[in-house]
Amino acid sequence: MAWGEAAIVSEASAETNQENPVGTGPFKFDNWARGSAVTLTRNENYWGEDVHLDRAEFRFVPDAAAAIPALLSGDVHAMSNMPAGDALSQIESDPRFEVVIGSTEGETILSINNQREPFDNLLVRQAISHAINRDEIIAAASSGLGVPIGSHFAPHNPAYVDLTDTYPHDVERARELLAEAGFEDGFSATLRLPPPPYARDGGQVIAAQLREVGIDLEIIPVEWPEWLSQVFTDKDFDMTIISHVEPVDIGIYAREDYYFQYQSEEFNTLYEELSVTTDEDRRNEIFGDLQRTLAEDAAVGFLFQLPKIGVWDARIEGMWENWPLAVADLSQVRWTE
């Protein structure tokens, strides 16, 4: 219920909210052009502080190739988190636009099915962690703007511990660990990649890095419905790349039925203590121990914190710099001229 998306709706509108939503926010639903845009207008009956915009239209832009010309042509005025890619430098040099690099809650990871052979072997997971070169992945998957992480915690959080050196990039050590695990000649596996560029682009780099140590990955692009059914629900996967955007969600590793199926009595005991601890200093200590446990167990491949690349018309004020929640809040947005 603490999530911004959580809402109490009227029984009178509940049945039709999916296509004609009714809420109590500063904007109200006006029109939905399927596959094209959703239009909102100012809610004259809003109970809180009035907003500056009379109207806002959210466009559905399919990919980065379409997003960049839409922005440059003036067809779109703002993107709260833009898939800029190689065009970022071009946009930054254009005085028409403001580019603001912020942070998100998105821990981007190489998720590993811990209950499937050979990934149930700690030596194999350690080898994967040593094979990963975060700098190369960040350059390809986040325009070089991601912040390296060594465990499942946001670097901007006060309880964050930098564990990126737990398994430093070391190809020879990765090969040694694979041999010790009984895979002197390596092995083959699959890498299912959902649509976001950080997954598709980062996956190509990771596949090349793991191939160097003897792990041959078959890349399988999947759409979100397939990812949710095959990976998240059915756990039918070897590895995948995903950014977990829920704030302070380290507790997912304590769930027995969670999709990467990590199991650790040590982690669970620590998390149980965290759940009954209110002292902030002690909680931060436990958070640190939880991060270390995940890092040492190489539960997944920890990659980077997803950046927020905000791009908008230089005449616009009030857009969010950071993303504590993955929303586009227009309540304070206004045109300066």
C-alpha atoms as a PDB file:
ATOM      1  CA  MET A   1       0.000   0.000   0.000  1.00  0.00           C
ATOM      2  CA  ALA A   2       3.010   2.314   0.260  1.00  0.00           C
ATOM      3  CA  TRP A   3       3.498   2.178  -3.496  1.00  0.00           C
ATOM      4  CA  GLY A   4       2.484   5.227  -5.511  1.00  0.00           C
ATOM      5  CA  GLU A   5       0.502   2.994  -7.843  1.00  0.00           C
ATOM      6  CA  ALA A   6      -1.702   1.764  -4.967  1.00  0.00           C
ATOM      7  CA  ALA A   7      -5.117   3.379  -5.116  1.00  0.00           C
ATOM      8  CA  ILE A   8      -8.563   3.083  -3.619  1.00  0.00           C
ATOM      9  CA  VAL A   9     -11.207   3.219  -6.319  1.00  0.00           C
ATOM     10  CA  SER A  10     -14.915   3.830  -6.216  1.00  0.00           C
ATOM     11  CA  GLU A  11     -17.206   0.837  -6.576  1.00  0.00           C
ATOM     12  CA  ALA A  12     -19.115   2.899  -9.123  1.00  0.00           C
ATOM     13  CA  SER A  13     -16.097   3.082 -11.473  1.00  0.00           C
ATOM     14  CA  ALA A  14     -14.232  -0.145 -10.638  1.00  0.00           C
ATOM     15  CA  GLU A  15     -15.764  -2.157 -13.475  1.00  0.00           C
ATOM     16  CA  THR A  16     -14.763   0.313 -16.188  1.00  0.00           C
ATOM     17  CA  ASN A  17     -11.496   1.721 -14.828  1.00  0.00           C
ATOM     18  CA  GLN A  18      -9.419  -0.380 -17.193  1.00  0.00           C
ATOM     19  CA  GLU A  19     -10.603   1.598 -20.226  1.00  0.00           C
ATOM     20  CA  ASN A  20     -12.121   4.704 -18.624  1.00  0.00           C
ATOM     21  CA  PRO A  21     -10.197   5.344 -15.391  1.00  0.00           C
ATOM     22  CA  VAL A  22     -11.610   7.642 -12.718  1.00  0.00           C
ATOM     23  CA  GLY A  23      -9.307   8.954  -9.981  1.00  0.00           C
ATOM     24  CA  THR A  24      -8.810  11.786  -7.512  1.00  0.00           C
ATOM     25  CA  GLY A  25      -5.491  13.174  -8.793  1.00  0.00           C
ATOM     26  CA  PRO A  26      -4.609  16.559 -10.308  1.00  0.00           C
ATOM     27  CA  PHE A  27      -5.329  15.234 -13.826  1.00  0.00           C
ATOM     28  CA  LYS A  28      -8.256  13.307 -15.211  1.00  0.00           C
ATOM     29  CA  PHE A  29      -8.522  10.879 -18.088  1.00  0.00           C
ATOM     30  CA  ASP A  30      -9.581  12.436 -21.374  1.00  0.00           C
ATOM     31  CA  ASN A  31      -8.831  10.087 -24.263  1.00  0.00           C
ATOM     32  CA  TRP A  32      -7.040   6.857 -25.166  1.00  0.00           C
ATOM     33  CA  ALA A  33      -5.951   6.366 -28.763  1.00  0.00           C
ATOM     34  CA  ARG A  34      -4.973   2.704 -28.651  1.00  0.00           C
ATOM     35  CA  GLY A  35      -1.363   2.134 -29.571  1.00  0.00           C
ATOM     36  CA  SER A  36      -0.770   5.865 -29.977  1.00  0.00           C
ATOM     37  CA  ALA A  37      -1.404   8.062 -26.930  1.00  0.00           C
ATOM     38  CA  VAL A  38      -3.274   8.745 -23.694  1.00  0.00           C
ATOM     39  CA  THR A  39      -4.473  12.285 -23.023  1.00  0.00           C
ATOM     40  CA  LEU A  40      -5.026  13.799 -19.569  1.00  0.00           C
ATOM     41  CA  THR A  41      -6.580  17.158 -18.698  1.00  0.00           C
ATOM     42  CA  ARG A  42      -6.556  19.271 -15.572  1.00  0.00           C
ATOM     43  CA  ASN A  43      -8.920  18.053 -12.856  1.00  0.00           C
ATOM     44  CA  GLU A  44     -10.854  21.152 -11.832  1.00  0.00           C
ATOM     45  CA  ASN A  45     -12.185  19.307  -8.768  1.00  0.00           C
ATOM     46  CA  TYR A  46      -8.786  18.226  -7.472  1.00  0.00           C
ATOM     47  CA  TRP A  47      -8.586  18.535  -3.692  1.00  0.00           C
ATOM     48  CA  GLY A  48      -4.883  19.499  -3.555  1.00  0.00           C
ATOM     49  CA  GLU A  49      -2.610  22.178  -4.983  1.00  0.00           C
ATOM     50  CA  ASP A  50      -3.521  23.201  -8.508  1.00  0.00           C
ATOM     51  CA  VAL A  51      -1.254  22.151 -11.386  1.00  0.00           C
ATOM     52  CA  HIS A  52       0.248  24.345 -14.105  1.00  0.00           C
ATOM     53  CA  LEU A  53      -0.637  22.276 -17.171  1.00  0.00           C
ATOM     54  CA  ASP A  54      -4.086  22.265 -18.736  1.00  0.00           C
ATOM     55  CA  ARG A  55      -3.366  19.152 -20.781  1.00  0.00           C
ATOM     56  CA  ALA A  56      -0.771  16.417 -21.137  1.00  0.00           C
ATOM     57  CA  GLU A  57      -0.460  13.699 -23.734  1.00  0.00           C
ATOM     58  CA  PHE A  58       1.558  10.520 -23.188  1.00  0.00           C
ATOM     59  CA  ARG A  59       2.781   9.047 -26.468  1.00  0.00           C
ATOM     60  CA  PHE A  60       3.566   5.361 -26.946  1.00  0.00           C
ATOM     61  CA  VAL A  61       6.999   5.279 -28.576  1.00  0.00           C
ATOM     62  CA  PRO A  62       8.056   1.729 -29.489  1.00  0.00           C
ATOM     63  CA  ASP A  63      11.856   1.995 -29.298  1.00  0.00           C
ATOM     64  CA  ALA A  64      14.907   4.247 -29.248  1.00  0.00           C
ATOM     65  CA  ALA A  65      14.923   4.491 -33.045  1.00  0.00           C
ATOM     66  CA  ALA A  66      11.512   6.178 -32.887  1.00  0.00           C
ATOM     67  CA  ALA A  67      12.105   8.119 -29.643  1.00  0.00           C
ATOM     68  CA  ILE A  68      15.018  10.202 -30.897  1.00  0.00           C
ATOM     69  CA  PRO A  69      13.378  11.665 -34.035  1.00  0.00           C
ATOM     70  CA  ALA A  70      10.161  12.258 -32.063  1.00  0.00           C
ATOM     71  CA  LEU A  71      12.130  14.412 -29.630  1.00  0.00           C
ATOM     72  CA  LEU A  72      14.289  16.199 -32.196  1.00  0.00           C
ATOM     73  CA  SER A  73      11.265  17.089 -34.331  1.00  0.00           C
ATOM     74  CA  GLY A  74       9.374  18.580 -31.380  1.00  0.00           C
ATOM     75  CA  ASP A  75       6.629  15.973 -31.641  1.00  0.00           C
ATOM     76  CA  VAL A  76       7.476  14.943 -28.055  1.00  0.00           C
ATOM     77  CA  HIS A  77       8.526  17.580 -25.495  1.00  0.00           C
ATOM     78  CA  ALA A  78       9.806  15.427 -22.642  1.00  0.00           C
ATOM     79  CA  MET A  79      10.971  11.912 -21.845  1.00  0.00           C
ATOM     80  CA  SER A  80      11.318  11.171 -18.166  1.00  0.00           C
ATOM     81  CA  ASN A  81      13.642   8.242 -18.910  1.00  0.00           C
ATOM     82  CA  MET A  82      14.851   8.201 -22.486  1.00  0.00           C
ATOM     83  CA  PRO A  83      16.472   5.276 -24.334  1.00  0.00           C
ATOM     84  CA  ALA A  84      19.035   7.696 -25.760  1.00  0.00           C
ATOM     85  CA  GLY A  85      21.771   5.239 -26.708  1.00  0.00           C
ATOM     86  CA  ASP A  86      24.492   6.636 -28.947  1.00  0.00           C
ATOM     87  CA  ALA A  87      22.420   9.766 -29.647  1.00  0.00           C
ATOM     88  CA  LEU A  88      22.839  11.103 -26.094  1.00  0.00           C
ATOM     89  CA  SER A  89      25.853  13.274 -26.977  1.00  0.00           C
ATOM     90  CA  GLN A  90      23.929  14.786 -29.886  1.00  0.00           C
ATOM     91  CA  ILE A  91      21.022  15.664 -27.617  1.00  0.00           C
ATOM     92  CA  GLU A  92      23.291  17.057 -24.887  1.00  0.00           C
ATOM     93  CA  SER A  93      24.894  19.457 -27.377  1.00  0.00           C
ATOM     94  CA  ASP A  94      21.507  20.740 -28.572  1.00  0.00           C
ATOM     95  CA  PRO A  95      20.541  23.905 -26.603  1.00  0.00           C
ATOM     96  CA  ARG A  96      16.859  23.148 -27.127  1.00  0.00           C
ATOM     97  CA  PHE A  97      17.033  20.358 -24.565  1.00  0.00           C
ATOM     98  CA  GLU A  98      17.827  19.815 -20.915  1.00  0.00           C
ATOM     99  CA  VAL A  99      19.534  16.498 -20.126  1.00  0.00           C
ATOM    100  CA  VAL A 100      19.463  15.431 -16.478  1.00  0.00           C
ATOM    101  CA  ILE A 101      21.113  12.188 -15.386  1.00  0.00           C
ATOM    102  CA  GLY A 102      19.558  10.846 -12.209  1.00  0.00           C
ATOM    103  CA  SER A 103      19.277   7.608 -10.294  1.00  0.00           C
ATOM    104  CA  THR A 104      16.638   4.902 -10.122  1.00  0.00           C
ATOM    105  CA  GLU A 105      15.837   1.991  -7.838  1.00  0.00           C
ATOM    106  CA  GLY A 106      16.676  -0.413 -10.666  1.00  0.00           C
ATOM    107  CA  GLU A 107      19.268  -3.025  -9.754  1.00  0.00           C
ATOM    108  CA  THR A 108      20.151  -4.552 -13.122  1.00  0.00           C
ATOM    109  CA  ILE A 109      21.217  -8.172 -12.741  1.00  0.00           C
ATOM    110  CA  LEU A 110      22.080 -11.294 -14.688  1.00  0.00           C
ATOM    111  CA  SER A 111      19.457 -13.498 -13.048  1.00  0.00           C
ATOM    112  CA  ILE A 112      20.532 -17.113 -12.635  1.00  0.00           C
ATOM    113  CA  ASN A 113      18.326 -20.148 -12.015  1.00  0.00           C
ATOM    114  CA  ASN A 114      20.013 -21.360  -8.819  1.00  0.00           C
ATOM    115  CA  GLN A 115      18.178 -24.705  -8.805  1.00  0.00           C
ATOM    116  CA  ARG A 116      19.092 -25.740 -12.352  1.00  0.00           C
ATOM    117  CA  GLU A 117      22.330 -27.544 -13.177  1.00  0.00           C
ATOM    118  CA  PRO A 118      25.065 -26.437 -13.432  1.00  0.00           C
ATOM    119  CA  PHE A 119      24.076 -23.134 -11.810  1.00  0.00           C
ATOM    120  CA  ASP A 120      23.301 -24.872  -8.520  1.00  0.00           C
ATOM    121  CA  ASN A 121      27.088 -25.170  -8.181  1.00  0.00           C
ATOM    122  CA  LEU A 122      28.630 -22.215  -6.343  1.00  0.00           C
ATOM    123  CA  LEU A 123      31.878 -22.593  -8.295  1.00  0.00           C
ATOM    124  CA  VAL A 124      30.008 -22.098 -11.569  1.00  0.00           C
ATOM    125  CA  ARG A 125      28.262 -18.964 -10.297  1.00  0.00           C
ATOM    126  CA  GLN A 126      31.575 -17.621  -9.005  1.00  0.00           C
ATOM    127  CA  ALA A 127      33.129 -18.269 -12.399  1.00  0.00           C
ATOM    128  CA  ILE A 128      30.327 -16.317 -14.081  1.00  0.00           C
ATOM    129  CA  SER A 129      30.872 -13.415 -11.672  1.00  0.00           C
ATOM    130  CA  HIS A 130      34.612 -13.367 -12.461  1.00  0.00           C
ATOM    131  CA  ALA A 131      33.903 -13.512 -16.209  1.00  0.00           C
ATOM    132  CA  ILE A 132      31.688 -10.421 -16.113  1.00  0.00           C
ATOM    133  CA  ASN A 133      33.274  -7.097 -17.031  1.00  0.00           C
ATOM    134  CA  ARG A 134      30.853  -4.501 -15.694  1.00  0.00           C
ATOM    135  CA  ASP A 135      32.519  -1.554 -17.438  1.00  0.00           C
ATOM    136  CA  GLU A 136      31.941  -3.096 -20.876  1.00  0.00           C
ATOM    137  CA  ILE A 137      28.342  -3.971 -20.012  1.00  0.00           C
ATOM    138  CA  ILE A 138      27.603  -0.497 -18.671  1.00  0.00           C
ATOM    139  CA  ALA A 139      29.073   1.124 -21.783  1.00  0.00           C
ATOM    140  CA  ALA A 140      26.817  -0.922 -24.060  1.00  0.00           C
ATOM    141  CA  ALA A 141      23.662  -1.163 -21.958  1.00  0.00           C
ATOM    142  CA  SER A 142      23.352   2.251 -20.299  1.00  0.00           C
ATOM    143  CA  SER A 143      25.335   4.726 -22.429  1.00  0.00           C
ATOM    144  CA  GLY A 144      28.139   4.368 -19.881  1.00  0.00           C
ATOM    145  CA  LEU A 145      25.978   5.938 -17.154  1.00  0.00           C
ATOM    146  CA  GLY A 146      25.115   2.956 -14.951  1.00  0.00           C
ATOM    147  CA  VAL A 147      26.712   2.666 -11.514  1.00  0.00           C
ATOM    148  CA  PRO A 148      28.422  -0.711 -10.868  1.00  0.00           C
ATOM    149  CA  ILE A 149      26.908  -2.838  -8.089  1.00  0.00           C
ATOM    150  CA  GLY A 150      28.234  -5.939  -6.362  1.00  0.00           C
ATOM    151  CA  SER A 151      25.035  -6.915  -4.592  1.00  0.00           C
ATOM    152  CA  HIS A 152      21.309  -6.188  -4.708  1.00  0.00           C
ATOM    153  CA  PHE A 153      21.262  -2.688  -3.219  1.00  0.00           C
ATOM    154  CA  ALA A 154      21.084   0.842  -4.583  1.00  0.00           C
ATOM    155  CA  PRO A 155      24.337   2.860  -4.271  1.00  0.00           C
ATOM    156  CA  HIS A 156      22.416   5.954  -3.160  1.00  0.00           C
ATOM    157  CA  ASN A 157      20.970   4.107  -0.142  1.00  0.00           C
ATOM    158  CA  PRO A 158      22.708   4.942   3.199  1.00  0.00           C
ATOM    159  CA  ALA A 159      23.042   1.197   3.943  1.00  0.00           C
ATOM    160  CA  TYR A 160      24.817   0.426   0.653  1.00  0.00           C
ATOM    161  CA  VAL A 161      28.077  -1.536   0.799  1.00  0.00           C
ATOM    162  CA  ASP A 162      30.407  -1.487  -2.220  1.00  0.00           C
ATOM    163  CA  LEU A 163      31.053  -5.172  -2.979  1.00  0.00           C
ATOM    164  CA  THR A 164      32.051  -4.854  -6.626  1.00  0.00           C
ATOM    165  CA  ASP A 165      35.492  -6.319  -5.850  1.00  0.00           C
ATOM    166  CA  THR A 166      34.114  -9.544  -4.347  1.00  0.00           C
ATOM    167  CA  TYR A 167      34.691 -11.274  -7.682  1.00  0.00           C
ATOM    168  CA  PRO A 168      36.804  -8.927  -9.809  1.00  0.00           C
ATOM    169  CA  HIS A 169      36.966  -9.423 -13.560  1.00  0.00           C
ATOM    170  CA  ASP A 170      39.447 -12.270 -14.018  1.00  0.00           C
ATOM    171  CA  VAL A 171      39.121 -14.539 -17.047  1.00  0.00           C
ATOM    172  CA  GLU A 172      41.788 -17.007 -15.933  1.00  0.00           C
ATOM    173  CA  ARG A 173      40.259 -17.377 -12.489  1.00  0.00           C
ATOM    174  CA  ALA A 174      36.859 -17.978 -14.090  1.00  0.00           C
ATOM    175  CA  ARG A 175      38.321 -20.781 -16.197  1.00  0.00           C
ATOM    176  CA  GLU A 176      39.999 -22.314 -13.146  1.00  0.00           C
ATOM    177  CA  LEU A 177      36.727 -22.345 -11.217  1.00  0.00           C
ATOM    178  CA  LEU A 178      34.868 -23.952 -14.118  1.00  0.00           C
ATOM    179  CA  ALA A 179      37.536 -26.653 -14.314  1.00  0.00           C
ATOM    180  CA  GLU A 180      37.308 -27.194 -10.573  1.00  0.00           C
ATOM    181  CA  ALA A 181      33.530 -27.596 -10.970  1.00  0.00           C
ATOM    182  CA  GLY A 182      34.087 -30.261 -13.623  1.00  0.00           C
ATOM    183  CA  PHE A 183      33.568 -28.121 -16.719  1.00  0.00           C
ATOM    184  CA  GLU A 184      37.068 -27.921 -18.183  1.00  0.00           C
ATOM    185  CA  ASP A 185      35.523 -27.721 -21.657  1.00  0.00           C
ATOM    186  CA  GLY A 186      32.770 -25.330 -20.586  1.00  0.00           C
ATOM    187  CA  PHE A 187      29.075 -25.853 -21.229  1.00  0.00           C
ATOM    188  CA  SER A 188      26.116 -24.424 -23.131  1.00  0.00           C
ATOM    189  CA  ALA A 189      23.148 -22.531 -21.710  1.00  0.00           C
ATOM    190  CA  THR A 190      20.396 -20.124 -22.728  1.00  0.00           C
ATOM    191  CA  LEU A 191      20.014 -16.400 -22.069  1.00  0.00           C
ATOM    192  CA  ARG A 192      16.454 -15.102 -22.389  1.00  0.00           C
ATOM    193  CA  LEU A 193      16.361 -11.362 -23.019  1.00  0.00           C
ATOM    194  CA  PRO A 194      13.243  -9.195 -22.515  1.00  0.00           C
ATOM    195  CA  PRO A 195      12.720  -6.077 -24.692  1.00  0.00           C
ATOM    196  CA  PRO A 196      14.513  -3.227 -22.815  1.00  0.00           C
ATOM    197  CA  PRO A 197      17.750  -2.053 -24.464  1.00  0.00           C
ATOM    198  CA  TYR A 198      19.701  -2.634 -21.249  1.00  0.00           C
ATOM    199  CA  ALA A 199      18.807  -6.339 -21.555  1.00  0.00           C
ATOM    200  CA  ARG A 200      19.154  -6.811 -25.307  1.00  0.00           C
ATOM    201  CA  ASP A 201      22.356  -4.748 -25.627  1.00  0.00           C
ATOM    202  CA  GLY A 202      23.860  -5.909 -22.349  1.00  0.00           C
ATOM    203  CA  GLY A 203      23.068  -9.519 -23.217  1.00  0.00           C
ATOM    204  CA  GLN A 204      25.221  -9.407 -26.333  1.00  0.00           C
ATOM    205  CA  VAL A 205      28.200  -8.232 -24.279  1.00  0.00           C
ATOM    206  CA  ILE A 206      27.671 -10.798 -21.518  1.00  0.00           C
ATOM    207  CA  ALA A 207      27.375 -13.608 -24.066  1.00  0.00           C
ATOM    208  CA  ALA A 208      30.738 -12.595 -25.534  1.00  0.00           C
ATOM    209  CA  GLN A 209      32.332 -12.371 -22.084  1.00  0.00           C
ATOM    210  CA  LEU A 210      31.091 -15.794 -20.973  1.00  0.00           C
ATOM    211  CA  ARG A 211      32.085 -17.335 -24.305  1.00  0.00           C
ATOM    212  CA  GLU A 212      35.649 -16.274 -23.523  1.00  0.00           C
ATOM    213  CA  VAL A 213      35.694 -18.580 -20.466  1.00  0.00           C
ATOM    214  CA  GLY A 214      33.934 -21.485 -22.182  1.00  0.00           C
ATOM    215  CA  ILE A 215      30.242 -20.820 -21.527  1.00  0.00           C
ATOM    216  CA  ASP A 216      28.370 -20.752 -24.833  1.00  0.00           C
ATOM    217  CA  LEU A 217      25.083 -18.878 -24.507  1.00  0.00           C
ATOM    218  CA  GLU A 218      22.187 -19.157 -26.908  1.00  0.00           C
ATOM    219  CA  ILE A 219      20.462 -15.767 -26.895  1.00  0.00           C
ATOM    220  CA  ILE A 220      16.674 -16.016 -26.981  1.00  0.00           C
ATOM    221  CA  PRO A 221      14.823 -12.677 -27.327  1.00  0.00           C
ATOM    222  CA  VAL A 222      11.410 -12.783 -25.630  1.00  0.00           C
ATOM    223  CA  GLU A 223       8.562 -10.308 -25.285  1.00  0.00           C
ATOM    224  CA  TRP A 224       7.200  -9.400 -21.861  1.00  0.00           C
ATOM    225  CA  PRO A 225       4.293 -11.883 -21.829  1.00  0.00           C
ATOM    226  CA  GLU A 226       6.738 -14.707 -22.609  1.00  0.00           C
ATOM    227  CA  TRP A 227       9.209 -13.491 -19.993  1.00  0.00           C
ATOM    228  CA  LEU A 228       6.517 -13.321 -17.335  1.00  0.00           C
ATOM    229  CA  SER A 229       5.185 -16.794 -18.108  1.00  0.00           C
ATOM    230  CA  GLN A 230       8.399 -18.678 -18.934  1.00  0.00           C
ATOM    231  CA  VAL A 231      10.909 -17.003 -16.642  1.00  0.00           C
ATOM    232  CA  PHE A 232       9.094 -15.345 -13.767  1.00  0.00           C
ATOM    233  CA  THR A 233       6.203 -17.784 -13.326  1.00  0.00           C
ATOM    234  CA  ASP A 234       7.368 -21.154 -14.661  1.00  0.00           C
ATOM    235  CA  LYS A 235      11.080 -20.650 -13.828  1.00  0.00           C
ATOM    236  CA  ASP A 236      11.899 -22.275 -17.168  1.00  0.00           C
ATOM    237  CA  PHE A 237      15.189 -20.537 -17.891  1.00  0.00           C
ATOM    238  CA  ASP A 238      18.938 -20.668 -17.356  1.00  0.00           C
ATOM    239  CA  MET A 239      19.768 -16.976 -17.250  1.00  0.00           C
ATOM    240  CA  THR A 240      18.081 -13.672 -18.042  1.00  0.00           C
ATOM    241  CA  ILE A 241      18.762  -9.954 -17.611  1.00  0.00           C
ATOM    242  CA  ILE A 242      16.313  -7.748 -15.768  1.00  0.00           C
ATOM    243  CA  SER A 243      16.279  -4.539 -13.738  1.00  0.00           C
ATOM    244  CA  HIS A 244      14.454  -4.899 -10.413  1.00  0.00           C
ATOM    245  CA  VAL A 245      12.984  -1.462  -9.731  1.00  0.00           C
ATOM    246  CA  GLU A 246      11.216  -1.964  -6.393  1.00  0.00           C
ATOM    247  CA  PRO A 247      12.848   0.116  -3.613  1.00  0.00           C
ATOM    248  CA  VAL A 248      14.847  -1.866  -1.017  1.00  0.00           C
ATOM    249  CA  ASP A 249      13.649  -5.201  -2.403  1.00  0.00           C
ATOM    250  CA  ILE A 250      16.515  -7.340  -1.129  1.00  0.00           C
ATOM    251  CA  GLY A 251      13.894  -9.501   0.606  1.00  0.00           C
ATOM    252  CA  ILE A 252      13.048 -11.218  -2.688  1.00  0.00           C
ATOM    253  CA  TYR A 253      16.045 -13.482  -2.064  1.00  0.00           C
ATOM    254  CA  ALA A 254      14.281 -14.864   1.032  1.00  0.00           C
ATOM    255  CA  ARG A 255      11.317 -16.099  -1.028  1.00  0.00           C
ATOM    256  CA  GLU A 256      11.551 -19.839  -1.649  1.00  0.00           C
ATOM    257  CA  ASP A 257       9.422 -19.706  -4.793  1.00  0.00           C
ATOM    258  CA  TYR A 258      10.986 -16.597  -6.349  1.00  0.00           C
ATOM    259  CA  TYR A 259      12.042 -17.081  -9.946  1.00  0.00           C
ATOM    260  CA  PHE A 260      15.819 -17.321  -9.473  1.00  0.00           C
ATOM    261  CA  GLN A 261      15.238 -19.868  -6.681  1.00  0.00           C
ATOM    262  CA  TYR A 262      18.089 -18.777  -4.427  1.00  0.00           C
ATOM    263  CA  GLN A 263      18.084 -20.539  -1.068  1.00  0.00           C
ATOM    264  CA  SER A 264      20.268 -19.626   1.905  1.00  0.00           C
ATOM    265  CA  GLU A 265      19.589 -20.352   5.558  1.00  0.00           C
ATOM    266  CA  GLU A 266      22.087 -17.658   6.539  1.00  0.00           C
ATOM    267  CA  PHE A 267      20.332 -15.052   4.389  1.00  0.00           C
ATOM    268  CA  ASN A 268      16.875 -16.047   5.657  1.00  0.00           C
ATOM    269  CA  THR A 269      17.976 -15.813   9.296  1.00  0.00           C
ATOM    270  CA  LEU A 270      19.372 -12.334   8.731  1.00  0.00           C
ATOM    271  CA  TYR A 271      16.241 -11.226   6.926  1.00  0.00           C
ATOM    272  CA  GLU A 272      14.017 -12.508   9.740  1.00  0.00           C
ATOM    273  CA  GLU A 273      16.041 -10.412  12.174  1.00  0.00           C
ATOM    274  CA  LEU A 274      15.685  -7.385   9.900  1.00  0.00           C
ATOM    275  CA  SER A 275      11.903  -7.788   9.844  1.00  0.00           C
ATOM    276  CA  VAL A 276      11.674  -7.355  13.632  1.00  0.00           C
ATOM    277  CA  THR A 277      14.391  -4.712  14.037  1.00  0.00           C
ATOM    278  CA  THR A 278      13.479  -1.028  14.320  1.00  0.00           C
ATOM    279  CA  ASP A 279      16.818   0.516  15.341  1.00  0.00           C
ATOM    280  CA  GLU A 280      18.142   2.205  12.208  1.00  0.00           C
ATOM    281  CA  ASP A 281      21.828   1.588  12.912  1.00  0.00           C
ATOM    282  CA  ARG A 282      21.230  -2.109  13.538  1.00  0.00           C
ATOM    283  CA  ARG A 283      19.052  -2.357  10.426  1.00  0.00           C
ATOM    284  CA  ASN A 284      21.852  -0.871   8.334  1.00  0.00           C
ATOM    285  CA  GLU A 285      24.269  -3.417   9.797  1.00  0.00           C
ATOM    286  CA  ILE A 286      21.914  -6.241   8.837  1.00  0.00           C
ATOM    287  CA  PHE A 287      21.452  -4.767   5.370  1.00  0.00           C
ATOM    288  CA  GLY A 288      25.239  -4.864   5.015  1.00  0.00           C
ATOM    289  CA  ASP A 289      25.387  -8.517   6.085  1.00  0.00           C
ATOM    290  CA  LEU A 290      22.589  -9.396   3.656  1.00  0.00           C
ATOM    291  CA  GLN A 291      24.459  -7.721   0.812  1.00  0.00           C
ATOM    292  CA  ARG A 292      27.676  -9.571   1.675  1.00  0.00           C
ATOM    293  CA  THR A 293      25.884 -12.914   1.802  1.00  0.00           C
ATOM    294  CA  LEU A 294      24.405 -12.416  -1.675  1.00  0.00           C
ATOM    295  CA  ALA A 295      27.720 -11.225  -3.073  1.00  0.00           C
ATOM    296  CA  GLU A 296      29.719 -14.136  -1.668  1.00  0.00           C
ATOM    297  CA  ASP A 297      27.106 -16.656  -2.832  1.00  0.00           C
ATOM    298  CA  ALA A 298      27.137 -15.097  -6.326  1.00  0.00           C
ATOM    299  CA  ALA A 299      23.368 -15.554  -6.182  1.00  0.00           C
ATOM    300  CA  VAL A 300      23.067 -13.727  -9.503  1.00  0.00           C
ATOM    301  CA  GLY A 301      25.400 -11.670 -11.642  1.00  0.00           C
ATOM    302  CA  PHE A 302      25.251  -8.170 -10.162  1.00  0.00           C
ATOM    303  CA  LEU A 303      25.736  -5.611 -12.950  1.00  0.00           C
ATOM    304  CA  PHE A 304      24.745  -1.969 -12.422  1.00  0.00           C
ATOM    305  CA  GLN A 305      22.206   0.477 -11.069  1.00  0.00           C
ATOM    306  CA  LEU A 306      19.999   1.639 -13.921  1.00  0.00           C
ATOM    307  CA  PRO A 307      20.386   5.384 -14.560  1.00  0.00           C
ATOM    308  CA  LYS A 308      17.519   7.746 -15.267  1.00  0.00           C
ATOM    309  CA  ILE A 309      18.214   9.721 -18.446  1.00  0.00           C
ATOM    310  CA  GLY A 310      15.790  12.621 -18.331  1.00  0.00           C
ATOM    311  CA  VAL A 311      15.506  14.673 -21.537  1.00  0.00           C
ATOM    312  CA  TRP A 312      13.068  17.507 -22.035  1.00  0.00           C
ATOM    313  CA  ASP A 313      12.512  20.864 -23.686  1.00  0.00           C
ATOM    314  CA  ALA A 314      14.767  23.441 -21.972  1.00  0.00           C
ATOM    315  CA  ARG A 315      11.716  25.618 -21.324  1.00  0.00           C
ATOM    316  CA  ILE A 316      10.154  22.969 -19.070  1.00  0.00           C
ATOM    317  CA  GLU A 317      10.590  22.940 -15.289  1.00  0.00           C
ATOM    318  CA  GLY A 318       9.457  20.519 -12.601  1.00  0.00           C
ATOM    319  CA  MET A 319      10.401  17.142 -14.096  1.00  0.00           C
ATOM    320  CA  TRP A 320      11.841  14.601 -11.661  1.00  0.00           C
ATOM    321  CA  GLU A 321      15.638  14.256 -11.619  1.00  0.00           C
ATOM    322  CA  ASN A 322      15.592  10.869  -9.863  1.00  0.00           C
ATOM    323  CA  TRP A 323      13.154   7.964  -9.850  1.00  0.00           C
ATOM    324  CA  PRO A 324      12.304   6.801  -6.320  1.00  0.00           C
ATOM    325  CA  LEU A 325       9.248   5.423  -8.120  1.00  0.00           C
ATOM    326  CA  ALA A 326       9.009   4.630 -11.827  1.00  0.00           C
ATOM    327  CA  VAL A 327       6.391   7.281 -12.588  1.00  0.00           C
ATOM    328  CA  ALA A 328       6.118  10.454 -14.655  1.00  0.00           C
ATOM    329  CA  ASP A 329       4.820  12.973 -12.103  1.00  0.00           C
ATOM    330  CA  LEU A 330       3.534  16.130 -13.820  1.00  0.00           C
ATOM    331  CA  SER A 331       2.109  17.805 -10.725  1.00  0.00           C
ATOM    332  CA  GLN A 332       4.894  20.436 -10.610  1.00  0.00           C
ATOM    333  CA  VAL A 333       5.690  20.632 -14.337  1.00  0.00           C
ATOM    334  CA  ARG A 334       5.281  23.961 -16.119  1.00  0.00           C
ATOM    335  CA  TRP A 335       6.422  25.885 -19.156  1.00  0.00           C
ATOM    336  CA  THR A 336       8.719  28.807 -18.335  1.00  0.00           C
ATOM    337  CA  GLU A 337       7.774  30.797 -21.444  1.00  0.00           C
END
